PDB file of N, CA and C in Angstrom:
ATOM      1  N   MET A   1      45.653 -29.417   9.429  1.00  0.00           N
ATOM      2  CA  MET A   1      44.626 -29.237   8.231  1.00  0.00           C
ATOM      3  C   MET A   1      43.791 -27.842   8.393  1.00  0.00           C
ATOM      4  N   THR A   2      43.935 -27.126   7.234  1.00  0.00           N
ATOM      5  CA  THR A   2      43.392 -25.743   7.364  1.00  0.00           C
ATOM      6  C   THR A   2      41.937 -25.828   6.693  1.00  0.00           C
ATOM      7  N   PHE A   3      40.875 -25.543   7.533  1.00  0.00           N
ATOM      8  CA  PHE A   3      39.348 -25.694   7.014  1.00  0.00           C
ATOM      9  C   PHE A   3      38.937 -24.179   6.524  1.00  0.00           C
ATOM     10  N   ILE A   4      38.358 -24.309   5.404  1.00  0.00           N
ATOM     11  CA  ILE A   4      37.522 -23.066   4.921  1.00  0.00           C
ATOM     12  C   ILE A   4      36.138 -23.464   5.001  1.00  0.00           C
ATOM     13  N   TYR A   5      35.240 -22.564   4.991  1.00  0.00           N
ATOM     14  CA  TYR A   5      33.745 -22.846   4.978  1.00  0.00           C
ATOM     15  C   TYR A   5      32.894 -21.889   3.884  1.00  0.00           C
ATOM     16  N   LYS A   6      32.007 -22.691   3.551  1.00  0.00           N
ATOM     17  CA  LYS A   6      30.965 -22.254   2.586  1.00  0.00           C
ATOM     18  C   LYS A   6      29.710 -22.253   3.050  1.00  0.00           C
ATOM     19  N   ILE A   7      28.904 -21.100   3.226  1.00  0.00           N
ATOM     20  CA  ILE A   7      27.874 -21.362   3.642  1.00  0.00           C
ATOM     21  C   ILE A   7      26.602 -21.447   2.341  1.00  0.00           C
ATOM     22  N   ALA A   8      25.652 -22.452   2.439  1.00  0.00           N
ATOM     23  CA  ALA A   8      24.801 -22.647   1.176  1.00  0.00           C
ATOM     24  C   ALA A   8      23.660 -22.809   1.624  1.00  0.00           C
ATOM     25  N   PRO A   9      22.646 -22.498   0.650  1.00  0.00           N
ATOM     26  CA  PRO A   9      21.274 -23.135   1.098  1.00  0.00           C
ATOM     27  C   PRO A   9      21.185 -24.712   0.823  1.00  0.00           C
ATOM     28  N   ARG A  10      20.275 -25.312   1.812  1.00  0.00           N
ATOM     29  CA  ARG A  10      20.177 -26.715   1.795  1.00  0.00           C
ATOM     30  C   ARG A  10      20.020 -27.342   0.335  1.00  0.00           C
ATOM     31  N   ALA A  11      18.959 -26.654  -0.308  1.00  0.00           N
ATOM     32  CA  ALA A  11      18.591 -27.183  -1.631  1.00  0.00           C
ATOM     33  C   ALA A  11      19.754 -27.010  -2.751  1.00  0.00           C
ATOM     34  N   LEU A  12      20.475 -25.932  -2.473  1.00  0.00           N
ATOM     35  CA  LEU A  12      21.548 -25.861  -3.440  1.00  0.00           C
ATOM     36  C   LEU A  12      22.716 -26.862  -3.437  1.00  0.00           C
ATOM     37  N   TRP A  13      22.965 -27.180  -2.271  1.00  0.00           N
ATOM     38  CA  TRP A  13      23.899 -28.018  -1.777  1.00  0.00           C
ATOM     39  C   TRP A  13      23.498 -29.460  -2.120  1.00  0.00           C
ATOM     40  N   ALA A  14      22.047 -29.788  -2.249  1.00  0.00           N
ATOM     41  CA  ALA A  14      21.683 -30.969  -2.418  1.00  0.00           C
ATOM     42  C   ALA A  14      21.825 -31.298  -3.937  1.00  0.00           C
ATOM     43  N   ALA A  15      21.625 -30.159  -4.624  1.00  0.00           N
ATOM     44  CA  ALA A  15      21.861 -30.069  -6.062  1.00  0.00           C
ATOM     45  C   ALA A  15      23.531 -30.351  -6.423  1.00  0.00           C
ATOM     46  N   ALA A  16      24.215 -29.791  -5.751  1.00  0.00           N
ATOM     47  CA  ALA A  16      25.732 -30.396  -5.775  1.00  0.00           C
ATOM     48  C   ALA A  16      26.046 -31.525  -5.609  1.00  0.00           C
ATOM     49  N   GLU A  17      25.436 -32.142  -4.697  1.00  0.00           N
ATOM     50  CA  GLU A  17      25.487 -33.496  -4.328  1.00  0.00           C
ATOM     51  C   GLU A  17      25.179 -34.541  -5.431  1.00  0.00           C
ATOM     52  N   ARG A  18      24.034 -34.177  -5.908  1.00  0.00           N
ATOM     53  CA  ARG A  18      23.696 -34.982  -7.088  1.00  0.00           C
ATOM     54  C   ARG A  18      24.634 -34.806  -8.283  1.00  0.00           C
ATOM     55  N   ALA A  19      24.973 -33.763  -8.582  1.00  0.00           N
ATOM     56  CA  ALA A  19      25.979 -33.547  -9.583  1.00  0.00           C
ATOM     57  C   ALA A  19      27.389 -33.871  -9.340  1.00  0.00           C
ATOM     58  N   GLY A  20      27.888 -34.342  -8.229  1.00  0.00           N
ATOM     59  CA  GLY A  20      29.290 -34.735  -7.871  1.00  0.00           C
ATOM     60  C   GLY A  20      30.067 -33.404  -7.779  1.00  0.00           C
ATOM     61  N   ARG A  21      29.633 -32.344  -7.762  1.00  0.00           N
ATOM     62  CA  ARG A  21      30.408 -31.076  -7.676  1.00  0.00           C
ATOM     63  C   ARG A  21      29.689 -29.832  -7.358  1.00  0.00           C
ATOM     64  N   PHE A  22      30.270 -28.778  -6.761  1.00  0.00           N
ATOM     65  CA  PHE A  22      29.508 -27.488  -6.505  1.00  0.00           C
ATOM     66  C   PHE A  22      30.023 -26.531  -7.352  1.00  0.00           C
ATOM     67  N   GLU A  23      29.251 -25.770  -8.166  1.00  0.00           N
ATOM     68  CA  GLU A  23      29.616 -24.800  -9.163  1.00  0.00           C
ATOM     69  C   GLU A  23      29.568 -23.473  -8.671  1.00  0.00           C
ATOM     70  N   GLY A  24      28.951 -23.419  -7.536  1.00  0.00           N
ATOM     71  CA  GLY A  24      28.700 -21.979  -7.011  1.00  0.00           C
ATOM     72  C   GLY A  24      27.348 -21.581  -6.633  1.00  0.00           C
ATOM     73  N   ALA A  25      27.163 -20.873  -5.803  1.00  0.00           N
ATOM     74  CA  ALA A  25      25.813 -19.872  -5.788  1.00  0.00           C
ATOM     75  C   ALA A  25      25.836 -18.898  -6.843  1.00  0.00           C
ATOM     76  N   PRO A  26      24.525 -18.208  -6.928  1.00  0.00           N
ATOM     77  CA  PRO A  26      24.478 -17.315  -7.992  1.00  0.00           C
ATOM     78  C   PRO A  26      25.369 -16.108  -7.788  1.00  0.00           C
ATOM     79  N   VAL A  27      25.874 -15.584  -6.573  1.00  0.00           N
ATOM     80  CA  VAL A  27      26.868 -14.715  -6.239  1.00  0.00           C
ATOM     81  C   VAL A  27      28.157 -15.059  -6.907  1.00  0.00           C
ATOM     82  N   ASP A  28      28.444 -16.435  -6.530  1.00  0.00           N
ATOM     83  CA  ASP A  28      29.829 -17.046  -6.934  1.00  0.00           C
ATOM     84  C   ASP A  28      29.781 -17.001  -8.367  1.00  0.00           C
ATOM     85  N   LEU A  29      28.680 -17.352  -9.191  1.00  0.00           N
ATOM     86  CA  LEU A  29      28.852 -17.718 -10.670  1.00  0.00           C
ATOM     87  C   LEU A  29      28.984 -16.191 -11.176  1.00  0.00           C
ATOM     88  N   ARG A  30      28.219 -15.060 -10.644  1.00  0.00           N
ATOM     89  CA  ARG A  30      28.288 -13.748 -10.885  1.00  0.00           C
ATOM     90  C   ARG A  30      29.906 -13.214 -10.687  1.00  0.00           C
ATOM     91  N   ASP A  31      30.510 -13.418  -9.620  1.00  0.00           N
ATOM     92  CA  ASP A  31      31.743 -13.144  -9.427  1.00  0.00           C
ATOM     93  C   ASP A  31      32.969 -13.757 -10.036  1.00  0.00           C
ATOM     94  N   GLY A  32      32.694 -15.008 -10.615  1.00  0.00           N
ATOM     95  CA  GLY A  32      33.516 -15.627 -11.276  1.00  0.00           C
ATOM     96  C   GLY A  32      34.619 -16.661 -10.364  1.00  0.00           C
ATOM     97  N   PHE A  33      34.199 -16.741  -9.265  1.00  0.00           N
ATOM     98  CA  PHE A  33      34.694 -17.545  -8.033  1.00  0.00           C
ATOM     99  C   PHE A  33      33.939 -18.006  -6.923  1.00  0.00           C
ATOM    100  N   ILE A  34      34.237 -18.987  -6.081  1.00  0.00           N
ATOM    101  CA  ILE A  34      33.190 -19.410  -5.031  1.00  0.00           C
ATOM    102  C   ILE A  34      34.149 -18.732  -3.814  1.00  0.00           C
ATOM    103  N   HIS A  35      33.166 -18.202  -3.176  1.00  0.00           N
ATOM    104  CA  HIS A  35      33.380 -17.186  -1.895  1.00  0.00           C
ATOM    105  C   HIS A  35      33.475 -18.317  -0.795  1.00  0.00           C
ATOM    106  N   PHE A  36      34.536 -18.314  -0.026  1.00  0.00           N
ATOM    107  CA  PHE A  36      34.608 -19.020   1.315  1.00  0.00           C
ATOM    108  C   PHE A  36      34.966 -17.871   2.324  1.00  0.00           C
ATOM    109  N   SER A  37      34.843 -18.476   3.834  1.00  0.00           N
ATOM    110  CA  SER A  37      35.261 -17.798   4.765  1.00  0.00           C
ATOM    111  C   SER A  37      36.180 -18.611   5.562  1.00  0.00           C
ATOM    112  N   THR A  38      36.801 -18.039   6.320  1.00  0.00           N
ATOM    113  CA  THR A  38      37.616 -18.953   7.505  1.00  0.00           C
ATOM    114  C   THR A  38      36.693 -18.879   8.753  1.00  0.00           C
ATOM    115  N   ALA A  39      37.110 -19.705   9.682  1.00  0.00           N
ATOM    116  CA  ALA A  39      36.348 -19.930  10.955  1.00  0.00           C
ATOM    117  C   ALA A  39      35.970 -18.754  11.558  1.00  0.00           C
ATOM    118  N   ALA A  40      37.171 -17.792  11.591  1.00  0.00           N
ATOM    119  CA  ALA A  40      36.932 -16.566  12.342  1.00  0.00           C
ATOM    120  C   ALA A  40      36.038 -15.604  11.304  1.00  0.00           C
ATOM    121  N   GLN A  41      35.974 -15.713  10.066  1.00  0.00           N
ATOM    122  CA  GLN A  41      35.042 -14.699   9.279  1.00  0.00           C
ATOM    123  C   GLN A  41      33.589 -15.360   8.861  1.00  0.00           C
ATOM    124  N   ALA A  42      33.422 -16.555   9.378  1.00  0.00           N
ATOM    125  CA  ALA A  42      32.141 -17.357   8.776  1.00  0.00           C
ATOM    126  C   ALA A  42      30.940 -16.571   9.455  1.00  0.00           C
ATOM    127  N   ARG A  43      30.926 -16.287  10.971  1.00  0.00           N
ATOM    128  CA  ARG A  43      29.821 -15.593  11.475  1.00  0.00           C
ATOM    129  C   ARG A  43      29.419 -14.273  10.820  1.00  0.00           C
ATOM    130  N   GLU A  44      30.403 -13.306  10.640  1.00  0.00           N
ATOM    131  CA  GLU A  44      30.243 -12.180   9.878  1.00  0.00           C
ATOM    132  C   GLU A  44      29.568 -12.309   8.541  1.00  0.00           C
ATOM    133  N   THR A  45      30.131 -13.402   7.805  1.00  0.00           N
ATOM    134  CA  THR A  45      29.614 -13.610   6.530  1.00  0.00           C
ATOM    135  C   THR A  45      28.087 -13.914   6.759  1.00  0.00           C
ATOM    136  N   ALA A  46      27.769 -14.871   7.597  1.00  0.00           N
ATOM    137  CA  ALA A  46      26.381 -15.300   7.810  1.00  0.00           C
ATOM    138  C   ALA A  46      25.513 -14.107   8.101  1.00  0.00           C
ATOM    139  N   THR A  47      25.879 -12.959   9.161  1.00  0.00           N
ATOM    140  CA  THR A  47      25.171 -11.893   9.142  1.00  0.00           C
ATOM    141  C   THR A  47      25.052 -10.948   8.236  1.00  0.00           C
ATOM    142  N   LYS A  48      26.261 -10.760   7.201  1.00  0.00           N
ATOM    143  CA  LYS A  48      26.001  -9.973   6.471  1.00  0.00           C
ATOM    144  C   LYS A  48      25.244 -10.324   5.158  1.00  0.00           C
ATOM    145  N   HIS A  49      25.534 -11.554   4.752  1.00  0.00           N
ATOM    146  CA  HIS A  49      24.993 -11.928   3.386  1.00  0.00           C
ATOM    147  C   HIS A  49      23.862 -13.022   3.533  1.00  0.00           C
ATOM    148  N   PHE A  50      23.472 -13.563   4.803  1.00  0.00           N
ATOM    149  CA  PHE A  50      22.684 -14.494   4.932  1.00  0.00           C
ATOM    150  C   PHE A  50      21.697 -14.109   6.036  1.00  0.00           C
ATOM    151  N   ALA A  51      21.542 -12.901   6.287  1.00  0.00           N
ATOM    152  CA  ALA A  51      20.610 -12.568   7.544  1.00  0.00           C
ATOM    153  C   ALA A  51      19.029 -12.984   7.116  1.00  0.00           C
ATOM    154  N   GLY A  52      18.632 -13.558   8.420  1.00  0.00           N
ATOM    155  CA  GLY A  52      17.282 -14.126   8.096  1.00  0.00           C
ATOM    156  C   GLY A  52      16.840 -15.363   7.588  1.00  0.00           C
ATOM    157  N   GLN A  53      17.902 -15.650   6.715  1.00  0.00           N
ATOM    158  CA  GLN A  53      17.884 -16.914   5.928  1.00  0.00           C
ATOM    159  C   GLN A  53      17.685 -18.306   6.702  1.00  0.00           C
ATOM    160  N   ASP A  54      16.855 -19.310   6.620  1.00  0.00           N
ATOM    161  CA  ASP A  54      16.645 -20.533   7.282  1.00  0.00           C
ATOM    162  C   ASP A  54      17.256 -21.455   6.302  1.00  0.00           C
ATOM    163  N   ASP A  55      17.243 -22.661   6.891  1.00  0.00           N
ATOM    164  CA  ASP A  55      17.585 -23.920   5.927  1.00  0.00           C
ATOM    165  C   ASP A  55      18.975 -23.917   5.267  1.00  0.00           C
ATOM    166  N   LEU A  56      19.996 -23.408   6.059  1.00  0.00           N
ATOM    167  CA  LEU A  56      21.301 -22.947   5.401  1.00  0.00           C
ATOM    168  C   LEU A  56      22.220 -24.253   5.943  1.00  0.00           C
ATOM    169  N   LEU A  57      23.307 -24.394   5.254  1.00  0.00           N
ATOM    170  CA  LEU A  57      24.438 -25.580   5.793  1.00  0.00           C
ATOM    171  C   LEU A  57      25.825 -24.766   5.923  1.00  0.00           C
ATOM    172  N   LEU A  58      26.460 -25.172   6.561  1.00  0.00           N
ATOM    173  CA  LEU A  58      27.843 -24.786   6.699  1.00  0.00           C
ATOM    174  C   LEU A  58      28.774 -25.829   6.251  1.00  0.00           C
ATOM    175  N   ILE A  59      29.460 -25.735   5.182  1.00  0.00           N
ATOM    176  CA  ILE A  59      30.230 -26.976   4.634  1.00  0.00           C
ATOM    177  C   ILE A  59      31.698 -26.565   4.898  1.00  0.00           C
ATOM    178  N   ALA A  60      32.453 -27.431   5.547  1.00  0.00           N
ATOM    179  CA  ALA A  60      33.653 -27.440   6.029  1.00  0.00           C
ATOM    180  C   ALA A  60      34.551 -28.231   4.902  1.00  0.00           C
ATOM    181  N   VAL A  61      35.459 -27.358   4.242  1.00  0.00           N
ATOM    182  CA  VAL A  61      36.572 -27.867   3.110  1.00  0.00           C
ATOM    183  C   VAL A  61      37.927 -27.918   3.658  1.00  0.00           C
ATOM    184  N   ASP A  62      38.541 -28.967   3.162  1.00  0.00           N
ATOM    185  CA  ASP A  62      40.278 -28.862   3.300  1.00  0.00           C
ATOM    186  C   ASP A  62      40.750 -28.093   2.404  1.00  0.00           C
ATOM    187  N   ALA A  63      41.268 -26.970   2.714  1.00  0.00           N
ATOM    188  CA  ALA A  63      41.972 -26.011   2.060  1.00  0.00           C
ATOM    189  C   ALA A  63      43.013 -26.480   1.061  1.00  0.00           C
ATOM    190  N   ALA A  64      43.576 -27.253   1.411  1.00  0.00           N
ATOM    191  CA  ALA A  64      44.878 -28.136   0.620  1.00  0.00           C
ATOM    192  C   ALA A  64      44.352 -28.766  -0.130  1.00  0.00           C
ATOM    193  N   ALA A  65      43.124 -29.366  -0.058  1.00  0.00           N
ATOM    194  CA  ALA A  65      42.632 -30.330  -1.264  1.00  0.00           C
ATOM    195  C   ALA A  65      42.274 -29.505  -2.552  1.00  0.00           C
ATOM    196  N   LEU A  66      42.052 -28.051  -2.413  1.00  0.00           N
ATOM    197  CA  LEU A  66      41.974 -27.289  -3.533  1.00  0.00           C
ATOM    198  C   LEU A  66      43.016 -26.979  -4.426  1.00  0.00           C
ATOM    199  N   GLY A  67      44.399 -26.995  -3.974  1.00  0.00           N
ATOM    200  CA  GLY A  67      45.347 -26.828  -4.885  1.00  0.00           C
ATOM    201  C   GLY A  67      45.545 -25.428  -5.398  1.00  0.00           C
ATOM    202  N   ASP A  68      45.914 -25.279  -6.292  1.00  0.00           N
ATOM    203  CA  ASP A  68      46.225 -23.884  -6.947  1.00  0.00           C
ATOM    204  C   ASP A  68      45.210 -23.015  -7.230  1.00  0.00           C
ATOM    205  N   ASP A  69      43.878 -23.687  -7.576  1.00  0.00           N
ATOM    206  CA  ASP A  69      42.761 -22.938  -7.746  1.00  0.00           C
ATOM    207  C   ASP A  69      42.336 -21.993  -6.688  1.00  0.00           C
ATOM    208  N   LEU A  70      42.801 -22.213  -5.470  1.00  0.00           N
ATOM    209  CA  LEU A  70      42.260 -21.709  -4.261  1.00  0.00           C
ATOM    210  C   LEU A  70      43.262 -20.330  -4.090  1.00  0.00           C
ATOM    211  N   LYS A  71      42.732 -19.287  -4.164  1.00  0.00           N
ATOM    212  CA  LYS A  71      43.564 -17.886  -3.754  1.00  0.00           C
ATOM    213  C   LYS A  71      43.014 -17.230  -2.704  1.00  0.00           C
ATOM    214  N   TRP A  72      43.891 -16.511  -1.895  1.00  0.00           N
ATOM    215  CA  TRP A  72      43.699 -15.777  -0.877  1.00  0.00           C
ATOM    216  C   TRP A  72      43.694 -14.327  -1.086  1.00  0.00           C
ATOM    217  N   GLU A  73      42.637 -13.774  -1.151  1.00  0.00           N
ATOM    218  CA  GLU A  73      42.367 -12.202  -1.771  1.00  0.00           C
ATOM    219  C   GLU A  73      42.043 -11.226  -0.814  1.00  0.00           C
ATOM    220  N   VAL A  74      42.294 -10.057  -0.844  1.00  0.00           N
ATOM    221  CA  VAL A  74      41.957  -9.105   0.099  1.00  0.00           C
ATOM    222  C   VAL A  74      40.437  -8.729  -0.385  1.00  0.00           C
ATOM    223  N   SER A  75      39.580  -8.569   0.694  1.00  0.00           N
ATOM    224  CA  SER A  75      38.449  -8.484   0.558  1.00  0.00           C
ATOM    225  C   SER A  75      37.631  -7.522   1.781  1.00  0.00           C
ATOM    226  N   ARG A  76      36.639  -7.993   2.547  1.00  0.00           N
ATOM    227  CA  ARG A  76      35.825  -7.305   3.307  1.00  0.00           C
ATOM    228  C   ARG A  76      36.840  -6.529   4.432  1.00  0.00           C
ATOM    229  N   GLY A  77      36.950  -5.312   4.403  1.00  0.00           N
ATOM    230  CA  GLY A  77      37.724  -4.708   5.576  1.00  0.00           C
ATOM    231  C   GLY A  77      39.246  -4.977   5.398  1.00  0.00           C
ATOM    232  N   GLY A  78      39.834  -5.335   4.267  1.00  0.00           N
ATOM    233  CA  GLY A  78      41.132  -5.637   4.111  1.00  0.00           C
ATOM    234  C   GLY A  78      41.616  -6.836   4.245  1.00  0.00           C
ATOM    235  N   ALA A  79      40.655  -7.842   4.919  1.00  0.00           N
ATOM    236  CA  ALA A  79      41.143  -9.171   5.054  1.00  0.00           C
ATOM    237  C   ALA A  79      41.404 -10.167   4.180  1.00  0.00           C
ATOM    238  N   LEU A  80      42.142 -10.989   4.369  1.00  0.00           N
ATOM    239  CA  LEU A  80      42.145 -12.115   3.186  1.00  0.00           C
ATOM    240  C   LEU A  80      41.137 -13.029   3.347  1.00  0.00           C
ATOM    241  N   PHE A  81      40.435 -13.277   2.226  1.00  0.00           N
ATOM    242  CA  PHE A  81      39.315 -14.315   2.193  1.00  0.00           C
ATOM    243  C   PHE A  81      39.876 -15.457   0.931  1.00  0.00           C
ATOM    244  N   PRO A  82      39.321 -16.498   1.288  1.00  0.00           N
ATOM    245  CA  PRO A  82      39.651 -17.497   0.427  1.00  0.00           C
ATOM    246  C   PRO A  82      38.514 -17.632  -0.717  1.00  0.00           C
ATOM    247  N   HIS A  83      39.024 -17.508  -2.028  1.00  0.00           N
ATOM    248  CA  HIS A  83      38.456 -17.663  -3.191  1.00  0.00           C
ATOM    249  C   HIS A  83      38.762 -18.877  -4.095  1.00  0.00           C
ATOM    250  N   LEU A  84      37.605 -19.547  -4.524  1.00  0.00           N
ATOM    251  CA  LEU A  84      38.122 -20.765  -5.296  1.00  0.00           C
ATOM    252  C   LEU A  84      37.703 -20.505  -6.937  1.00  0.00           C
ATOM    253  N   TYR A  85      38.737 -20.710  -7.631  1.00  0.00           N
ATOM    254  CA  TYR A  85      38.651 -20.383  -9.330  1.00  0.00           C
ATOM    255  C   TYR A  85      38.330 -21.727  -9.915  1.00  0.00           C
ATOM    256  N   GLY A  86      37.171 -22.085  -9.745  1.00  0.00           N
ATOM    257  CA  GLY A  86      36.804 -23.426 -10.458  1.00  0.00           C
ATOM    258  C   GLY A  86      35.775 -24.150  -9.367  1.00  0.00           C
ATOM    259  N   ALA A  87      35.246 -25.262  -9.884  1.00  0.00           N
ATOM    260  CA  ALA A  87      34.474 -25.722  -9.106  1.00  0.00           C
ATOM    261  C   ALA A  87      34.953 -26.387  -7.862  1.00  0.00           C
ATOM    262  N   LEU A  88      33.866 -26.718  -6.815  1.00  0.00           N
ATOM    263  CA  LEU A  88      34.364 -27.487  -5.622  1.00  0.00           C
ATOM    264  C   LEU A  88      34.082 -28.876  -5.894  1.00  0.00           C
ATOM    265  N   PRO A  89      35.274 -29.537  -5.694  1.00  0.00           N
ATOM    266  CA  PRO A  89      35.180 -31.085  -5.810  1.00  0.00           C
ATOM    267  C   PRO A  89      34.421 -31.477  -4.241  1.00  0.00           C
ATOM    268  N   LEU A  90      33.573 -32.386  -4.353  1.00  0.00           N
ATOM    269  CA  LEU A  90      33.024 -33.024  -3.048  1.00  0.00           C
ATOM    270  C   LEU A  90      34.114 -33.852  -2.403  1.00  0.00           C
ATOM    271  N   SER A  91      35.143 -34.161  -3.040  1.00  0.00           N
ATOM    272  CA  SER A  91      35.999 -34.939  -2.395  1.00  0.00           C
ATOM    273  C   SER A  91      37.060 -34.007  -1.408  1.00  0.00           C
ATOM    274  N   ALA A  92      36.791 -32.742  -1.479  1.00  0.00           N
ATOM    275  CA  ALA A  92      37.472 -31.758  -0.490  1.00  0.00           C
ATOM    276  C   ALA A  92      36.729 -31.353   0.736  1.00  0.00           C
ATOM    277  N   VAL A  93      35.436 -31.860   0.729  1.00  0.00           N
ATOM    278  CA  VAL A  93      34.581 -31.436   1.729  1.00  0.00           C
ATOM    279  C   VAL A  93      34.806 -32.465   2.758  1.00  0.00           C
ATOM    280  N   ARG A  94      34.906 -32.233   4.227  1.00  0.00           N
ATOM    281  CA  ARG A  94      35.253 -33.111   5.283  1.00  0.00           C
ATOM    282  C   ARG A  94      33.910 -33.101   6.077  1.00  0.00           C
ATOM    283  N   GLN A  95      32.921 -32.066   6.100  1.00  0.00           N
ATOM    284  CA  GLN A  95      31.965 -32.162   6.881  1.00  0.00           C
ATOM    285  C   GLN A  95      30.968 -31.187   6.538  1.00  0.00           C
ATOM    286  N   VAL A  96      29.543 -31.386   6.729  1.00  0.00           N
ATOM    287  CA  VAL A  96      28.659 -30.481   6.573  1.00  0.00           C
ATOM    288  C   VAL A  96      27.636 -30.360   7.644  1.00  0.00           C
ATOM    289  N   PHE A  97      27.574 -29.095   8.194  1.00  0.00           N
ATOM    290  CA  PHE A  97      26.654 -28.818   9.354  1.00  0.00           C
ATOM    291  C   PHE A  97      25.328 -28.209   9.072  1.00  0.00           C
ATOM    292  N   ALA A  98      24.349 -28.519   9.866  1.00  0.00           N
ATOM    293  CA  ALA A  98      23.057 -27.412   9.740  1.00  0.00           C
ATOM    294  C   ALA A  98      23.378 -26.228  10.374  1.00  0.00           C
ATOM    295  N   LEU A  99      22.910 -24.993   9.924  1.00  0.00           N
ATOM    296  CA  LEU A  99      23.130 -23.789  10.384  1.00  0.00           C
ATOM    297  C   LEU A  99      21.801 -23.138  10.628  1.00  0.00           C
ATOM    298  N   PRO A 100      21.170 -23.832  11.761  1.00  0.00           N
ATOM    299  CA  PRO A 100      19.964 -23.242  12.165  1.00  0.00           C
ATOM    300  C   PRO A 100      19.747 -21.790  12.449  1.00  0.00           C
ATOM    301  N   LEU A 101      18.559 -21.169  12.312  1.00  0.00           N
ATOM    302  CA  LEU A 101      18.143 -19.772  12.612  1.00  0.00           C
ATOM    303  C   LEU A 101      17.412 -19.759  13.836  1.00  0.00           C
ATOM    304  N   THR A 102      17.936 -19.277  14.785  1.00  0.00           N
ATOM    305  CA  THR A 102      17.468 -19.149  16.348  1.00  0.00           C
ATOM    306  C   THR A 102      17.139 -17.672  16.846  1.00  0.00           C
ATOM    307  N   ASP A 103      16.106 -17.264  16.959  1.00  0.00           N
ATOM    308  CA  ASP A 103      15.898 -15.867  17.276  1.00  0.00           C
ATOM    309  C   ASP A 103      16.690 -14.770  16.359  1.00  0.00           C
ATOM    310  N   GLY A 104      16.714 -15.322  15.216  1.00  0.00           N
ATOM    311  CA  GLY A 104      17.017 -14.221  14.003  1.00  0.00           C
ATOM    312  C   GLY A 104      18.727 -14.486  13.828  1.00  0.00           C
ATOM    313  N   ALA A 105      19.387 -15.280  14.634  1.00  0.00           N
ATOM    314  CA  ALA A 105      20.899 -15.453  14.529  1.00  0.00           C
ATOM    315  C   ALA A 105      21.025 -17.008  14.228  1.00  0.00           C
ATOM    316  N   HIS A 106      22.028 -16.945  13.483  1.00  0.00           N
ATOM    317  CA  HIS A 106      22.605 -18.563  12.989  1.00  0.00           C
ATOM    318  C   HIS A 106      23.325 -19.204  14.033  1.00  0.00           C
ATOM    319  N   GLN A 107      23.043 -20.304  14.237  1.00  0.00           N
ATOM    320  CA  GLN A 107      23.686 -21.236  15.360  1.00  0.00           C
ATOM    321  C   GLN A 107      24.942 -21.889  14.803  1.00  0.00           C
ATOM    322  N   PHE A 108      26.038 -21.605  15.123  1.00  0.00           N
ATOM    323  CA  PHE A 108      27.357 -22.416  14.503  1.00  0.00           C
ATOM    324  C   PHE A 108      27.705 -23.171  15.515  1.00  0.00           C
ATOM    325  N   PRO A 109      28.338 -24.287  14.722  1.00  0.00           N
ATOM    326  CA  PRO A 109      28.935 -25.550  15.621  1.00  0.00           C
ATOM    327  C   PRO A 109      29.789 -24.786  16.701  1.00  0.00           C
ATOM    328  N   GLU A 110      29.950 -25.381  17.896  1.00  0.00           N
ATOM    329  CA  GLU A 110      30.851 -24.932  18.868  1.00  0.00           C
ATOM    330  C   GLU A 110      32.173 -24.544  18.598  1.00  0.00           C
ATOM    331  N   HIS A 111      32.787 -25.535  17.912  1.00  0.00           N
ATOM    332  CA  HIS A 111      34.270 -25.323  17.338  1.00  0.00           C
ATOM    333  C   HIS A 111      34.589 -24.248  16.284  1.00  0.00           C
ATOM    334  N   ILE A 112      33.319 -23.502  15.623  1.00  0.00           N
ATOM    335  CA  ILE A 112      33.823 -22.589  14.793  1.00  0.00           C
ATOM    336  C   ILE A 112      33.898 -21.355  15.664  1.00  0.00           C
ATOM    337  N   ALA A 113      34.820 -20.561  15.523  1.00  0.00           N
ATOM    338  CA  ALA A 113      35.222 -19.446  15.971  1.00  0.00           C
ATOM    339  C   ALA A 113      33.840 -18.352  16.165  1.00  0.00           C
TER     340      ALA A 113
END
């Protein structure tokens, strides 16, 4: 199983859970797709786009469960990033982790690269 990851504020994710689907963060809505990262990309994404932000979650998603709406597209540094063109169904979510901020750095679960 291939996992992709979404970093989201806890409050935004709580709203998605109430709605039964995640439509995206403001940046996703602006860009027309939901931004995800691979395990190898997630730390850099946190540093670049979420520096200093507390109360974040790391959402692990089964990439295969997203079907043809998931596209791998060239982005930062020429790397392929997963982009979801449509809402994220919560049925594709496999796990949600807290992403605490300690001494200015987000603390990732050990198994995330």
